[in-house]
Amino acid sequence: MPDLEAYTMLLPSLVFYPRIHTTVQSIIFLVLLLTRHAYGFWILAHSSLTIDRLDPIVSPGQVSTHVHTVVGASSFGPTVSGENLLQSKCTTAHVQDDKSSYWAPQLYYRSENGSFTLVPILFVNTYYEQRAGQDGNVSAFPPGLRMVAGDPTRTTYDDNDPSNKAVNFVCLDYSGTSPESKEFPKTNCKDGLRAQVTFPSCWDGKNTDSDDHKSHMSYPEGGNPDNGECPQSHPIKVITLFHEWIFDVNKFEFKDGQKNWVFSYGDDVGYGFHADFVNGWKQDVLEAAIKECTGDLFANVQGCAPFVPSINEGVAQGCTIPSQVDEDVGKDHPIDALPGCNSVPMNMDATCSNSTTPAINGSGEASNSAGGSSSMSGASSGGTATASNTGSDASTGTAGSTTASPGSSSTISNSGSTTAPASMSITGST
């Protein structure tokens, strides 16, 4: 967790809510000036790139088991590589030299009748924290690094496990208190629900991916997910990546005593929140920023000289791509069941039958196969990016290939409170 939690949770309102009262701005700015951190960090703020049932780390070239919300580089698609990301036309990060890709499970609102409506993100903050070990060294991510933080199958909480402690939630209320919790809050969050996750920051120094997309990385020793010494097995301390995904839950009616929110893979508790990352930074820029920008920049990316040449807020805010999986994911209207084969509550022992896998239609090129599980043979190119450009960007991007091993997919049933689509039969006890 970043230091000064009470103040950093207000930071997004200064970035995305310019009508906040000037006096509040002044007070927070003064506090930040007078307060010192043990570690420097910067924040890259993002608007939405796309929403899609793709996961190029866990399910490369296939339709994913569940829907994700995505920010970052415009060449996101069924497959991505670090080299491909660097060729993206745009990115949702204000610093255009960060062509990395970031994604997390989509949040849904569950109505009393069992239907689901997609909850849009307000924005996403990606923190880069310089949490060095005793030797004082922090390295940049190696080119093309892939990693996953969190576990969608987790249904319990263990305070002794740093990977569990790395995931939590904040119920945002900018006019009052914003409590933090290990699972979904039990009250309405009038300024948004913030799902947050800290990525492991110790690298084995050899592999940029692994079969489970985690083993090449480790959390520091000592039980704190964002601070401490690296184990001998993973001796290289890299910059710590921390995500905040802020969902606009207040646009939906909150029902006391009801589980109002559920992630796209069927999690109505929140323990299984997770996020994915593929490094697409321009390597010399990231290395220079780690070396030169050691203060507490917060969102003041202009204060970091290596970032300045590529800062373009207009391009970032206009950077979007269309969904590439041809299915209804519940934007602006309710759907009977979560896309894919996902039950509520989550049930890893259930199976689906007679379901049809939707096509991937990136750049108008569909590649599809039908079956009972969420699988797709072949890959397609990434979607076409659009950006409102206040500068110039003549590069184009297409989806590349990945050598990462696919993770194991799960088949999950629907609970009795939801209705399966006509083309799907869902079985299993919950």
Foldseek 3Di string as FASTA:
>chain_A
DDPPVVLLVCVVCVVQVVPPDPVVVVVSVVVVVVDFDPFAKEKWKFFWFEKAQADQFFFAQFRHQFIKTKFAFQQDFSHAFLVQLLLGLAGLTLLGLFSKIKMWFWKWFADPLGWTATFHWPMKMKMWILADEPVSDAAAQDRFAKAKQFAQPDDDADQQALSQVQKWKWQADNVDDIDIGSWDDQDHRQQFIKIKGKAAFFAQVPDSADQQRHPRGDAAPDRHRQHHAHDPNRHHGHTIIMMITTTNRNVDDDDHPDLGMATLQQASIHSRIMMMMTGNHPRVLRRQCSVQVTGHCYHVCVVRVSRPVRRFNQQSHFKYFYYFFPDDQRHPHIDQGRPHQHAHNWDQPKFKFQFFATWGQAVHDTFADTGRHRTTPGHAWHHFIDTRGPDDGDGHGIHDHDPHHHHDGTHTHYDPSGDDPPRMDIDDDD
